[in-house]
Amino acid sequence: MSEKVTGEEFLKRRKELDDIVMRYAGKNMKRFYNLDTNVYSAGDLPRKTKELMGLVASTVLRCDDCIEYHLVRCIEEGVTDGEFEEALSVALVVGGSITIPHVRRAFEKWEAERG
């Protein structure tokens, strides 16, 4: 999340890269991408909850690209400041202090996107 791009720019670039991947993707890669898309669809858990879960997992795994994706999706799903903070609190407790730099950048991006 070191680049200063908007959520919209991030999603556009992500799609461009995924389009390249799909030109080369075989059956297994396509299946994985399909599973990733479908698992975040509304079901017994709403999309909003699933995006918060993705945000927590991505923070614990320390993947800034994934954090940014789920952050943008959380905004699209109507996550509140309080819900965002609580989710990152869970990530911090689970992931420990090594996640602090990622939490910092997530809040920086959240603030930039939300105003």
PDB file of N, CA and C in Angstrom:
ATOM      1  N   MET A   1       0.817  -1.190   0.000  1.00  0.00           N
ATOM      2  CA  MET A   1       0.000   0.000   0.000  1.00  0.00           C
ATOM      3  C   MET A   1       0.859   1.251   0.000  1.00  0.00           C
ATOM      4  N   SER A   2       2.110   1.125  -0.401  1.00  0.00           N
ATOM      5  CA  SER A   2       2.983   2.293  -0.406  1.00  0.00           C
ATOM      6  C   SER A   2       2.638   3.260  -1.536  1.00  0.00           C
ATOM      7  N   GLU A   3       2.119   2.731  -2.657  1.00  0.00           N
ATOM      8  CA  GLU A   3       1.684   3.607  -3.743  1.00  0.00           C
ATOM      9  C   GLU A   3       0.434   4.367  -3.326  1.00  0.00           C
ATOM     10  N   LYS A   4       0.371   5.616  -3.714  1.00  0.00           N
ATOM     11  CA  LYS A   4      -0.804   6.432  -3.400  1.00  0.00           C
ATOM     12  C   LYS A   4      -1.764   6.391  -4.576  1.00  0.00           C
ATOM     13  N   VAL A   5      -2.593   5.356  -4.597  1.00  0.00           N
ATOM     14  CA  VAL A   5      -3.607   5.227  -5.636  1.00  0.00           C
ATOM     15  C   VAL A   5      -4.966   5.107  -4.966  1.00  0.00           C
ATOM     16  N   THR A   6      -5.986   5.501  -5.670  1.00  0.00           N
ATOM     17  CA  THR A   6      -7.333   5.378  -5.126  1.00  0.00           C
ATOM     18  C   THR A   6      -7.762   3.913  -5.188  1.00  0.00           C
ATOM     19  N   GLY A   7      -8.809   3.605  -4.439  1.00  0.00           N
ATOM     20  CA  GLY A   7      -9.362   2.260  -4.479  1.00  0.00           C
ATOM     21  C   GLY A   7      -9.805   1.876  -5.872  1.00  0.00           C
ATOM     22  N   GLU A   8     -10.384   2.827  -6.575  1.00  0.00           N
ATOM     23  CA  GLU A   8     -10.835   2.581  -7.948  1.00  0.00           C
ATOM     24  C   GLU A   8      -9.647   2.254  -8.854  1.00  0.00           C
ATOM     25  N   GLU A   9      -8.557   3.011  -8.714  1.00  0.00           N
ATOM     26  CA  GLU A   9      -7.353   2.749  -9.516  1.00  0.00           C
ATOM     27  C   GLU A   9      -6.759   1.380  -9.173  1.00  0.00           C
ATOM     28  N   PHE A  10      -6.768   1.056  -7.886  1.00  0.00           N
ATOM     29  CA  PHE A  10      -6.256  -0.238  -7.435  1.00  0.00           C
ATOM     30  C   PHE A  10      -7.047  -1.376  -8.073  1.00  0.00           C
ATOM     31  N   LEU A  11      -8.370  -1.293  -8.017  1.00  0.00           N
ATOM     32  CA  LEU A  11      -9.206  -2.358  -8.585  1.00  0.00           C
ATOM     33  C   LEU A  11      -9.039  -2.464 -10.095  1.00  0.00           C
ATOM     34  N   LYS A  12      -8.877  -1.317 -10.766  1.00  0.00           N
ATOM     35  CA  LYS A  12      -8.666  -1.325 -12.218  1.00  0.00           C
ATOM     36  C   LYS A  12      -7.357  -2.036 -12.555  1.00  0.00           C
ATOM     37  N   ARG A  13      -6.307  -1.701 -11.833  1.00  0.00           N
ATOM     38  CA  ARG A  13      -4.998  -2.324 -12.077  1.00  0.00           C
ATOM     39  C   ARG A  13      -5.042  -3.820 -11.757  1.00  0.00           C
ATOM     40  N   ARG A  14      -5.726  -4.172 -10.688  1.00  0.00           N
ATOM     41  CA  ARG A  14      -5.862  -5.573 -10.305  1.00  0.00           C
ATOM     42  C   ARG A  14      -6.563  -6.350 -11.413  1.00  0.00           C
ATOM     43  N   LYS A  15      -7.612  -5.780 -11.991  1.00  0.00           N
ATOM     44  CA  LYS A  15      -8.328  -6.439 -13.090  1.00  0.00           C
ATOM     45  C   LYS A  15      -7.426  -6.593 -14.312  1.00  0.00           C
ATOM     46  N   GLU A  16      -6.652  -5.555 -14.616  1.00  0.00           N
ATOM     47  CA  GLU A  16      -5.725  -5.640 -15.753  1.00  0.00           C
ATOM     48  C   GLU A  16      -4.746  -6.795 -15.563  1.00  0.00           C
ATOM     49  N   LEU A  17      -4.213  -6.916 -14.363  1.00  0.00           N
ATOM     50  CA  LEU A  17      -3.264  -7.995 -14.087  1.00  0.00           C
ATOM     51  C   LEU A  17      -3.946  -9.361 -14.127  1.00  0.00           C
ATOM     52  N   ASP A  18      -5.154  -9.437 -13.577  1.00  0.00           N
ATOM     53  CA  ASP A  18      -5.892 -10.701 -13.624  1.00  0.00           C
ATOM     54  C   ASP A  18      -6.214 -11.099 -15.060  1.00  0.00           C
ATOM     55  N   ASP A  19      -6.499 -10.128 -15.911  1.00  0.00           N
ATOM     56  CA  ASP A  19      -6.758 -10.426 -17.320  1.00  0.00           C
ATOM     57  C   ASP A  19      -5.529 -11.060 -17.970  1.00  0.00           C
ATOM     58  N   ILE A  20      -4.354 -10.568 -17.616  1.00  0.00           N
ATOM     59  CA  ILE A  20      -3.117 -11.161 -18.141  1.00  0.00           C
ATOM     60  C   ILE A  20      -2.971 -12.588 -17.632  1.00  0.00           C
ATOM     61  N   VAL A  21      -3.171 -12.775 -16.339  1.00  0.00           N
ATOM     62  CA  VAL A  21      -3.079 -14.116 -15.755  1.00  0.00           C
ATOM     63  C   VAL A  21      -4.023 -15.073 -16.474  1.00  0.00           C
ATOM     64  N   MET A  22      -5.254 -14.630 -16.707  1.00  0.00           N
ATOM     65  CA  MET A  22      -6.250 -15.507 -17.327  1.00  0.00           C
ATOM     66  C   MET A  22      -5.911 -15.888 -18.767  1.00  0.00           C
ATOM     67  N   ARG A  23      -5.113 -15.067 -19.428  1.00  0.00           N
ATOM     68  CA  ARG A  23      -4.683 -15.438 -20.790  1.00  0.00           C
ATOM     69  C   ARG A  23      -3.780 -16.668 -20.755  1.00  0.00           C
ATOM     70  N   TYR A  24      -3.114 -16.899 -19.649  1.00  0.00           N
ATOM     71  CA  TYR A  24      -2.189 -18.016 -19.509  1.00  0.00           C
ATOM     72  C   TYR A  24      -2.750 -19.139 -18.625  1.00  0.00           C
ATOM     73  N   ALA A  25      -3.791 -18.848 -17.895  1.00  0.00           N
ATOM     74  CA  ALA A  25      -4.282 -19.769 -16.870  1.00  0.00           C
ATOM     75  C   ALA A  25      -4.812 -21.067 -17.447  1.00  0.00           C
ATOM     76  N   GLY A  26      -4.430 -22.137 -16.767  1.00  0.00           N
ATOM     77  CA  GLY A  26      -4.998 -23.442 -17.075  1.00  0.00           C
ATOM     78  C   GLY A  26      -6.208 -23.699 -16.191  1.00  0.00           C
ATOM     79  N   LYS A  27      -6.706 -24.902 -16.286  1.00  0.00           N
ATOM     80  CA  LYS A  27      -7.919 -25.285 -15.578  1.00  0.00           C
ATOM     81  C   LYS A  27      -7.788 -25.072 -14.059  1.00  0.00           C
ATOM     82  N   ASN A  28      -6.702 -25.467 -13.465  1.00  0.00           N
ATOM     83  CA  ASN A  28      -6.568 -25.361 -12.008  1.00  0.00           C
ATOM     84  C   ASN A  28      -6.522 -23.915 -11.532  1.00  0.00           C
ATOM     85  N   MET A  29      -5.801 -23.084 -12.244  1.00  0.00           N
ATOM     86  CA  MET A  29      -5.737 -21.673 -11.858  1.00  0.00           C
ATOM     87  C   MET A  29      -7.108 -21.026 -12.019  1.00  0.00           C
ATOM     88  N   LYS A  30      -7.788 -21.323 -13.092  1.00  0.00           N
ATOM     89  CA  LYS A  30      -9.129 -20.777 -13.304  1.00  0.00           C
ATOM     90  C   LYS A  30     -10.087 -21.240 -12.208  1.00  0.00           C
ATOM     91  N   ARG A  31      -9.958 -22.484 -11.802  1.00  0.00           N
ATOM     92  CA  ARG A  31     -10.812 -22.990 -10.722  1.00  0.00           C
ATOM     93  C   ARG A  31     -10.543 -22.252  -9.418  1.00  0.00           C
ATOM     94  N   PHE A  32      -9.273 -21.996  -9.133  1.00  0.00           N
ATOM     95  CA  PHE A  32      -8.938 -21.277  -7.905  1.00  0.00           C
ATOM     96  C   PHE A  32      -9.515 -19.862  -7.936  1.00  0.00           C
ATOM     97  N   TYR A  33      -9.340 -19.171  -9.030  1.00  0.00           N
ATOM     98  CA  TYR A  33      -9.881 -17.817  -9.165  1.00  0.00           C
ATOM     99  C   TYR A  33     -11.406 -17.834  -8.995  1.00  0.00           C
ATOM    100  N   ASN A  34     -12.052 -18.825  -9.590  1.00  0.00           N
ATOM    101  CA  ASN A  34     -13.501 -18.951  -9.476  1.00  0.00           C
ATOM    102  C   ASN A  34     -13.910 -19.192  -8.020  1.00  0.00           C
ATOM    103  N   LEU A  35     -13.193 -20.054  -7.332  1.00  0.00           N
ATOM    104  CA  LEU A  35     -13.473 -20.322  -5.923  1.00  0.00           C
ATOM    105  C   LEU A  35     -13.300 -19.050  -5.101  1.00  0.00           C
ATOM    106  N   ASP A  36     -12.239 -18.315  -5.360  1.00  0.00           N
ATOM    107  CA  ASP A  36     -11.978 -17.071  -4.635  1.00  0.00           C
ATOM    108  C   ASP A  36     -13.127 -16.084  -4.830  1.00  0.00           C
ATOM    109  N   THR A  37     -13.612 -15.972  -6.046  1.00  0.00           N
ATOM    110  CA  THR A  37     -14.736 -15.072  -6.327  1.00  0.00           C
ATOM    111  C   THR A  37     -16.003 -15.534  -5.608  1.00  0.00           C
ATOM    112  N   ASN A  38     -16.287 -16.804  -5.711  1.00  0.00           N
ATOM    113  CA  ASN A  38     -17.545 -17.326  -5.173  1.00  0.00           C
ATOM    114  C   ASN A  38     -17.585 -17.378  -3.654  1.00  0.00           C
ATOM    115  N   VAL A  39     -16.454 -17.585  -3.014  1.00  0.00           N
ATOM    116  CA  VAL A  39     -16.467 -17.704  -1.551  1.00  0.00           C
ATOM    117  C   VAL A  39     -16.876 -16.383  -0.888  1.00  0.00           C
ATOM    118  N   TYR A  40     -16.677 -15.270  -1.569  1.00  0.00           N
ATOM    119  CA  TYR A  40     -17.054 -13.966  -1.012  1.00  0.00           C
ATOM    120  C   TYR A  40     -18.479 -13.548  -1.400  1.00  0.00           C
ATOM    121  N   SER A  41     -19.193 -14.413  -2.087  1.00  0.00           N
ATOM    122  CA  SER A  41     -20.594 -14.137  -2.412  1.00  0.00           C
ATOM    123  C   SER A  41     -21.445 -14.263  -1.152  1.00  0.00           C
ATOM    124  N   ALA A  42     -22.562 -13.550  -1.147  1.00  0.00           N
ATOM    125  CA  ALA A  42     -23.470 -13.636  -0.001  1.00  0.00           C
ATOM    126  C   ALA A  42     -23.995 -15.060   0.135  1.00  0.00           C
ATOM    127  N   GLY A  43     -24.051 -15.501   1.352  1.00  0.00           N
ATOM    128  CA  GLY A  43     -24.590 -16.825   1.684  1.00  0.00           C
ATOM    129  C   GLY A  43     -25.150 -16.720   3.087  1.00  0.00           C
ATOM    130  N   ASP A  44     -24.861 -17.687   3.923  1.00  0.00           N
ATOM    131  CA  ASP A  44     -25.273 -17.584   5.319  1.00  0.00           C
ATOM    132  C   ASP A  44     -24.596 -16.391   5.990  1.00  0.00           C
ATOM    133  N   LEU A  45     -23.388 -16.087   5.558  1.00  0.00           N
ATOM    134  CA  LEU A  45     -22.707 -14.866   5.999  1.00  0.00           C
ATOM    135  C   LEU A  45     -22.837 -13.812   4.904  1.00  0.00           C
ATOM    136  N   PRO A  46     -23.136 -12.583   5.286  1.00  0.00           N
ATOM    137  CA  PRO A  46     -23.210 -11.524   4.270  1.00  0.00           C
ATOM    138  C   PRO A  46     -21.824 -11.172   3.730  1.00  0.00           C
ATOM    139  N   ARG A  47     -21.794 -10.586   2.547  1.00  0.00           N
ATOM    140  CA  ARG A  47     -20.533 -10.173   1.921  1.00  0.00           C
ATOM    141  C   ARG A  47     -19.706  -9.283   2.842  1.00  0.00           C
ATOM    142  N   LYS A  48     -20.371  -8.388   3.519  1.00  0.00           N
ATOM    143  CA  LYS A  48     -19.680  -7.461   4.415  1.00  0.00           C
ATOM    144  C   LYS A  48     -18.851  -8.222   5.459  1.00  0.00           C
ATOM    145  N   THR A  49     -19.455  -9.222   6.058  1.00  0.00           N
ATOM    146  CA  THR A  49     -18.753 -10.032   7.062  1.00  0.00           C
ATOM    147  C   THR A  49     -17.587 -10.775   6.436  1.00  0.00           C
ATOM    148  N   LYS A  50     -17.815 -11.326   5.263  1.00  0.00           N
ATOM    149  CA  LYS A  50     -16.755 -12.074   4.587  1.00  0.00           C
ATOM    150  C   LYS A  50     -15.587 -11.164   4.217  1.00  0.00           C
ATOM    151  N   GLU A  51     -15.869  -9.939   3.802  1.00  0.00           N
ATOM    152  CA  GLU A  51     -14.786  -9.006   3.478  1.00  0.00           C
ATOM    153  C   GLU A  51     -13.998  -8.624   4.724  1.00  0.00           C
ATOM    154  N   LEU A  52     -14.687  -8.456   5.851  1.00  0.00           N
ATOM    155  CA  LEU A  52     -13.989  -8.190   7.111  1.00  0.00           C
ATOM    156  C   LEU A  52     -13.107  -9.377   7.500  1.00  0.00           C
ATOM    157  N   MET A  53     -13.606 -10.587   7.276  1.00  0.00           N
ATOM    158  CA  MET A  53     -12.800 -11.779   7.552  1.00  0.00           C
ATOM    159  C   MET A  53     -11.576 -11.823   6.641  1.00  0.00           C
ATOM    160  N   GLY A  54     -11.775 -11.481   5.373  1.00  0.00           N
ATOM    161  CA  GLY A  54     -10.652 -11.424   4.443  1.00  0.00           C
ATOM    162  C   GLY A  54      -9.630 -10.380   4.861  1.00  0.00           C
ATOM    163  N   LEU A  55     -10.118  -9.249   5.356  1.00  0.00           N
ATOM    164  CA  LEU A  55      -9.226  -8.191   5.843  1.00  0.00           C
ATOM    165  C   LEU A  55      -8.389  -8.685   7.014  1.00  0.00           C
ATOM    166  N   VAL A  56      -9.026  -9.371   7.949  1.00  0.00           N
ATOM    167  CA  VAL A  56      -8.309  -9.896   9.113  1.00  0.00           C
ATOM    168  C   VAL A  56      -7.260 -10.920   8.680  1.00  0.00           C
ATOM    169  N   ALA A  57      -7.658 -11.874   7.863  1.00  0.00           N
ATOM    170  CA  ALA A  57      -6.712 -12.905   7.409  1.00  0.00           C
ATOM    171  C   ALA A  57      -5.549 -12.287   6.640  1.00  0.00           C
ATOM    172  N   SER A  58      -5.841 -11.328   5.793  1.00  0.00           N
ATOM    173  CA  SER A  58      -4.789 -10.680   5.000  1.00  0.00           C
ATOM    174  C   SER A  58      -3.823  -9.906   5.881  1.00  0.00           C
ATOM    175  N   THR A  59      -4.344  -9.297   6.945  1.00  0.00           N
ATOM    176  CA  THR A  59      -3.484  -8.563   7.871  1.00  0.00           C
ATOM    177  C   THR A  59      -2.595  -9.526   8.632  1.00  0.00           C
ATOM    178  N   VAL A  60      -3.170 -10.619   9.111  1.00  0.00           N
ATOM    179  CA  VAL A  60      -2.380 -11.612   9.838  1.00  0.00           C
ATOM    180  C   VAL A  60      -1.298 -12.196   8.932  1.00  0.00           C
ATOM    181  N   LEU A  61      -1.635 -12.397   7.662  1.00  0.00           N
ATOM    182  CA  LEU A  61      -0.665 -12.931   6.694  1.00  0.00           C
ATOM    183  C   LEU A  61       0.281 -11.856   6.156  1.00  0.00           C
ATOM    184  N   ARG A  62      -0.005 -10.608   6.484  1.00  0.00           N
ATOM    185  CA  ARG A  62       0.836  -9.456   6.137  1.00  0.00           C
ATOM    186  C   ARG A  62       0.975  -9.260   4.620  1.00  0.00           C
ATOM    187  N   CYS A  63      -0.164  -9.365   3.931  1.00  0.00           N
ATOM    188  CA  CYS A  63      -0.193  -9.154   2.487  1.00  0.00           C
ATOM    189  C   CYS A  63      -0.844  -7.799   2.199  1.00  0.00           C
ATOM    190  N   ASP A  64      -0.025  -6.781   1.963  1.00  0.00           N
ATOM    191  CA  ASP A  64      -0.565  -5.436   1.741  1.00  0.00           C
ATOM    192  C   ASP A  64      -1.494  -5.368   0.540  1.00  0.00           C
ATOM    193  N   ASP A  65      -1.185  -6.092  -0.521  1.00  0.00           N
ATOM    194  CA  ASP A  65      -2.050  -6.092  -1.696  1.00  0.00           C
ATOM    195  C   ASP A  65      -3.429  -6.639  -1.334  1.00  0.00           C
ATOM    196  N   CYS A  66      -3.456  -7.724  -0.582  1.00  0.00           N
ATOM    197  CA  CYS A  66      -4.731  -8.320  -0.157  1.00  0.00           C
ATOM    198  C   CYS A  66      -5.467  -7.412   0.820  1.00  0.00           C
ATOM    199  N   ILE A  67      -4.721  -6.801   1.735  1.00  0.00           N
ATOM    200  CA  ILE A  67      -5.333  -5.866   2.686  1.00  0.00           C
ATOM    201  C   ILE A  67      -6.015  -4.748   1.922  1.00  0.00           C
ATOM    202  N   GLU A  68      -5.326  -4.196   0.943  1.00  0.00           N
ATOM    203  CA  GLU A  68      -5.904  -3.100   0.183  1.00  0.00           C
ATOM    204  C   GLU A  68      -7.151  -3.544  -0.572  1.00  0.00           C
ATOM    205  N   TYR A  69      -7.109  -4.728  -1.158  1.00  0.00           N
ATOM    206  CA  TYR A  69      -8.283  -5.229  -1.865  1.00  0.00           C
ATOM    207  C   TYR A  69      -9.474  -5.345  -0.916  1.00  0.00           C
ATOM    208  N   HIS A  70      -9.276  -5.999   0.214  1.00  0.00           N
ATOM    209  CA  HIS A  70     -10.386  -6.188   1.148  1.00  0.00           C
ATOM    210  C   HIS A  70     -10.826  -4.865   1.772  1.00  0.00           C
ATOM    211  N   LEU A  71      -9.909  -3.944   1.944  1.00  0.00           N
ATOM    212  CA  LEU A  71     -10.263  -2.614   2.446  1.00  0.00           C
ATOM    213  C   LEU A  71     -11.205  -1.908   1.469  1.00  0.00           C
ATOM    214  N   VAL A  72     -10.871  -1.931   0.212  1.00  0.00           N
ATOM    215  CA  VAL A  72     -11.723  -1.310  -0.809  1.00  0.00           C
ATOM    216  C   VAL A  72     -13.079  -2.006  -0.848  1.00  0.00           C
ATOM    217  N   ARG A  73     -13.072  -3.328  -0.785  1.00  0.00           N
ATOM    218  CA  ARG A  73     -14.330  -4.075  -0.782  1.00  0.00           C
ATOM    219  C   ARG A  73     -15.144  -3.781   0.482  1.00  0.00           C
ATOM    220  N   CYS A  74     -14.473  -3.611   1.625  1.00  0.00           N
ATOM    221  CA  CYS A  74     -15.181  -3.252   2.863  1.00  0.00           C
ATOM    222  C   CYS A  74     -15.898  -1.913   2.697  1.00  0.00           C
ATOM    223  N   ILE A  75     -15.231  -0.961   2.073  1.00  0.00           N
ATOM    224  CA  ILE A  75     -15.864   0.339   1.819  1.00  0.00           C
ATOM    225  C   ILE A  75     -17.088   0.147   0.934  1.00  0.00           C
ATOM    226  N   GLU A  76     -16.933  -0.635  -0.129  1.00  0.00           N
ATOM    227  CA  GLU A  76     -18.051  -0.889  -1.035  1.00  0.00           C
ATOM    228  C   GLU A  76     -19.217  -1.588  -0.323  1.00  0.00           C
ATOM    229  N   GLU A  77     -18.915  -2.399   0.671  1.00  0.00           N
ATOM    230  CA  GLU A  77     -19.952  -3.136   1.400  1.00  0.00           C
ATOM    231  C   GLU A  77     -20.512  -2.349   2.578  1.00  0.00           C
ATOM    232  N   GLY A  78     -20.044  -1.118   2.780  1.00  0.00           N
ATOM    233  CA  GLY A  78     -20.620  -0.265   3.809  1.00  0.00           C
ATOM    234  C   GLY A  78     -20.077  -0.469   5.213  1.00  0.00           C
ATOM    235  N   VAL A  79     -18.885  -1.003   5.327  1.00  0.00           N
ATOM    236  CA  VAL A  79     -18.268  -1.184   6.640  1.00  0.00           C
ATOM    237  C   VAL A  79     -18.062   0.183   7.292  1.00  0.00           C
ATOM    238  N   THR A  80     -18.368   0.269   8.568  1.00  0.00           N
ATOM    239  CA  THR A  80     -18.211   1.519   9.311  1.00  0.00           C
ATOM    240  C   THR A  80     -16.799   1.630   9.870  1.00  0.00           C
ATOM    241  N   ASP A  81     -16.451   2.832  10.305  1.00  0.00           N
ATOM    242  CA  ASP A  81     -15.148   3.036  10.947  1.00  0.00           C
ATOM    243  C   ASP A  81     -14.980   2.098  12.137  1.00  0.00           C
ATOM    244  N   GLY A  82     -16.026   1.971  12.949  1.00  0.00           N
ATOM    245  CA  GLY A  82     -15.963   1.118  14.127  1.00  0.00           C
ATOM    246  C   GLY A  82     -15.770  -0.352  13.776  1.00  0.00           C
ATOM    247  N   GLU A  83     -16.488  -0.825  12.761  1.00  0.00           N
ATOM    248  CA  GLU A  83     -16.337  -2.218  12.323  1.00  0.00           C
ATOM    249  C   GLU A  83     -14.931  -2.466  11.784  1.00  0.00           C
ATOM    250  N   PHE A  84     -14.416  -1.500  11.038  1.00  0.00           N
ATOM    251  CA  PHE A  84     -13.068  -1.607  10.486  1.00  0.00           C
ATOM    252  C   PHE A  84     -12.040  -1.697  11.615  1.00  0.00           C
ATOM    253  N   GLU A  85     -12.178  -0.822  12.602  1.00  0.00           N
ATOM    254  CA  GLU A  85     -11.230  -0.816  13.732  1.00  0.00           C
ATOM    255  C   GLU A  85     -11.308  -2.112  14.521  1.00  0.00           C
ATOM    256  N   GLU A  86     -12.518  -2.614  14.756  1.00  0.00           N
ATOM    257  CA  GLU A  86     -12.647  -3.861  15.512  1.00  0.00           C
ATOM    258  C   GLU A  86     -12.040  -5.039  14.757  1.00  0.00           C
ATOM    259  N   ALA A  87     -12.242  -5.085  13.456  1.00  0.00           N
ATOM    260  CA  ALA A  87     -11.657  -6.158  12.656  1.00  0.00           C
ATOM    261  C   ALA A  87     -10.132  -6.103  12.721  1.00  0.00           C
ATOM    262  N   LEU A  88      -9.572  -4.896  12.601  1.00  0.00           N
ATOM    263  CA  LEU A  88      -8.116  -4.788  12.672  1.00  0.00           C
ATOM    264  C   LEU A  88      -7.601  -5.056  14.082  1.00  0.00           C
ATOM    265  N   SER A  89      -8.424  -4.830  15.091  1.00  0.00           N
ATOM    266  CA  SER A  89      -8.036  -5.199  16.456  1.00  0.00           C
ATOM    267  C   SER A  89      -7.910  -6.717  16.583  1.00  0.00           C
ATOM    268  N   VAL A  90      -8.843  -7.440  15.968  1.00  0.00           N
ATOM    269  CA  VAL A  90      -8.754  -8.902  15.963  1.00  0.00           C
ATOM    270  C   VAL A  90      -7.480  -9.332  15.245  1.00  0.00           C
ATOM    271  N   ALA A  91      -7.207  -8.723  14.104  1.00  0.00           N
ATOM    272  CA  ALA A  91      -5.999  -9.063  13.341  1.00  0.00           C
ATOM    273  C   ALA A  91      -4.738  -8.804  14.165  1.00  0.00           C
ATOM    274  N   LEU A  92      -4.728  -7.710  14.886  1.00  0.00           N
ATOM    275  CA  LEU A  92      -3.569  -7.360  15.707  1.00  0.00           C
ATOM    276  C   LEU A  92      -3.366  -8.378  16.824  1.00  0.00           C
ATOM    277  N   VAL A  93      -4.442  -8.783  17.462  1.00  0.00           N
ATOM    278  CA  VAL A  93      -4.330  -9.764  18.545  1.00  0.00           C
ATOM    279  C   VAL A  93      -3.875 -11.121  18.004  1.00  0.00           C
ATOM    280  N   VAL A  94      -4.433 -11.527  16.885  1.00  0.00           N
ATOM    281  CA  VAL A  94      -4.073 -12.819  16.303  1.00  0.00           C
ATOM    282  C   VAL A  94      -2.665 -12.782  15.725  1.00  0.00           C
ATOM    283  N   GLY A  95      -2.356 -11.719  14.995  1.00  0.00           N
ATOM    284  CA  GLY A  95      -1.076 -11.639  14.288  1.00  0.00           C
ATOM    285  C   GLY A  95       0.074 -11.108  15.115  1.00  0.00           C
ATOM    286  N   GLY A  96      -0.224 -10.386  16.165  1.00  0.00           N
ATOM    287  CA  GLY A  96       0.829  -9.833  17.016  1.00  0.00           C
ATOM    288  C   GLY A  96       1.404  -8.533  16.479  1.00  0.00           C
ATOM    289  N   SER A  97       2.413  -8.066  17.180  1.00  0.00           N
ATOM    290  CA  SER A  97       2.972  -6.748  16.879  1.00  0.00           C
ATOM    291  C   SER A  97       3.589  -6.652  15.488  1.00  0.00           C
ATOM    292  N   ILE A  98       3.935  -7.777  14.884  1.00  0.00           N
ATOM    293  CA  ILE A  98       4.514  -7.735  13.537  1.00  0.00           C
ATOM    294  C   ILE A  98       3.512  -7.201  12.512  1.00  0.00           C
ATOM    295  N   THR A  99       2.226  -7.213  12.864  1.00  0.00           N
ATOM    296  CA  THR A  99       1.209  -6.697  11.937  1.00  0.00           C
ATOM    297  C   THR A  99       1.033  -5.181  12.047  1.00  0.00           C
ATOM    298  N   ILE A 100       1.642  -4.555  13.043  1.00  0.00           N
ATOM    299  CA  ILE A 100       1.432  -3.117  13.263  1.00  0.00           C
ATOM    300  C   ILE A 100       1.730  -2.274  12.017  1.00  0.00           C
ATOM    301  N   PRO A 101       2.828  -2.489  11.304  1.00  0.00           N
ATOM    302  CA  PRO A 101       3.050  -1.676  10.099  1.00  0.00           C
ATOM    303  C   PRO A 101       1.916  -1.818   9.077  1.00  0.00           C
ATOM    304  N   HIS A 102       1.351  -2.998   8.971  1.00  0.00           N
ATOM    305  CA  HIS A 102       0.254  -3.237   8.026  1.00  0.00           C
ATOM    306  C   HIS A 102      -1.027  -2.568   8.510  1.00  0.00           C
ATOM    307  N   VAL A 103      -1.235  -2.594   9.820  1.00  0.00           N
ATOM    308  CA  VAL A 103      -2.395  -1.911  10.401  1.00  0.00           C
ATOM    309  C   VAL A 103      -2.277  -0.409  10.173  1.00  0.00           C
ATOM    310  N   ARG A 104      -1.088   0.127  10.354  1.00  0.00           N
ATOM    311  CA  ARG A 104      -0.866   1.564  10.111  1.00  0.00           C
ATOM    312  C   ARG A 104      -1.231   1.944   8.686  1.00  0.00           C
ATOM    313  N   ARG A 105      -0.708   1.173   7.733  1.00  0.00           N
ATOM    314  CA  ARG A 105      -0.966   1.487   6.324  1.00  0.00           C
ATOM    315  C   ARG A 105      -2.444   1.291   5.980  1.00  0.00           C
ATOM    316  N   ALA A 106      -3.078   0.308   6.617  1.00  0.00           N
ATOM    317  CA  ALA A 106      -4.505   0.091   6.374  1.00  0.00           C
ATOM    318  C   ALA A 106      -5.315   1.298   6.846  1.00  0.00           C
ATOM    319  N   PHE A 107      -4.997   1.826   8.027  1.00  0.00           N
ATOM    320  CA  PHE A 107      -5.723   2.997   8.512  1.00  0.00           C
ATOM    321  C   PHE A 107      -5.419   4.225   7.653  1.00  0.00           C
ATOM    322  N   GLU A 108      -4.194   4.342   7.182  1.00  0.00           N
ATOM    323  CA  GLU A 108      -3.853   5.456   6.303  1.00  0.00           C
ATOM    324  C   GLU A 108      -4.701   5.397   5.036  1.00  0.00           C
ATOM    325  N   LYS A 109      -4.792   4.209   4.441  1.00  0.00           N
ATOM    326  CA  LYS A 109      -5.575   4.032   3.216  1.00  0.00           C
ATOM    327  C   LYS A 109      -7.058   4.231   3.501  1.00  0.00           C
ATOM    328  N   TRP A 110      -7.551   3.714   4.622  1.00  0.00           N
ATOM    329  CA  TRP A 110      -8.948   3.862   5.015  1.00  0.00           C
ATOM    330  C   TRP A 110      -9.298   5.339   5.095  1.00  0.00           C
ATOM    331  N   GLU A 111      -8.462   6.092   5.785  1.00  0.00           N
ATOM    332  CA  GLU A 111      -8.701   7.529   5.943  1.00  0.00           C
ATOM    333  C   GLU A 111      -8.681   8.258   4.612  1.00  0.00           C
ATOM    334  N   ALA A 112      -7.739   7.889   3.749  1.00  0.00           N
ATOM    335  CA  ALA A 112      -7.643   8.529   2.432  1.00  0.00           C
ATOM    336  C   ALA A 112      -8.878   8.232   1.588  1.00  0.00           C
ATOM    337  N   GLU A 113      -9.391   7.010   1.683  1.00  0.00           N
ATOM    338  CA  GLU A 113     -10.546   6.611   0.875  1.00  0.00           C
ATOM    339  C   GLU A 113     -11.848   7.148   1.438  1.00  0.00           C
ATOM    340  N   ARG A 114     -11.935   7.244   2.749  1.00  0.00           N
ATOM    341  CA  ARG A 114     -13.182   7.621   3.403  1.00  0.00           C
ATOM    342  C   ARG A 114     -13.279   9.127   3.667  1.00  0.00           C
ATOM    343  N   GLY A 115     -12.130   9.810   3.654  1.00  0.00           N
ATOM    344  CA  GLY A 115     -12.142  11.257   3.838  1.00  0.00           C
ATOM    345  C   GLY A 115     -12.168  11.750   5.206  1.00  0.00           C
TER     346      GLY A 115
END
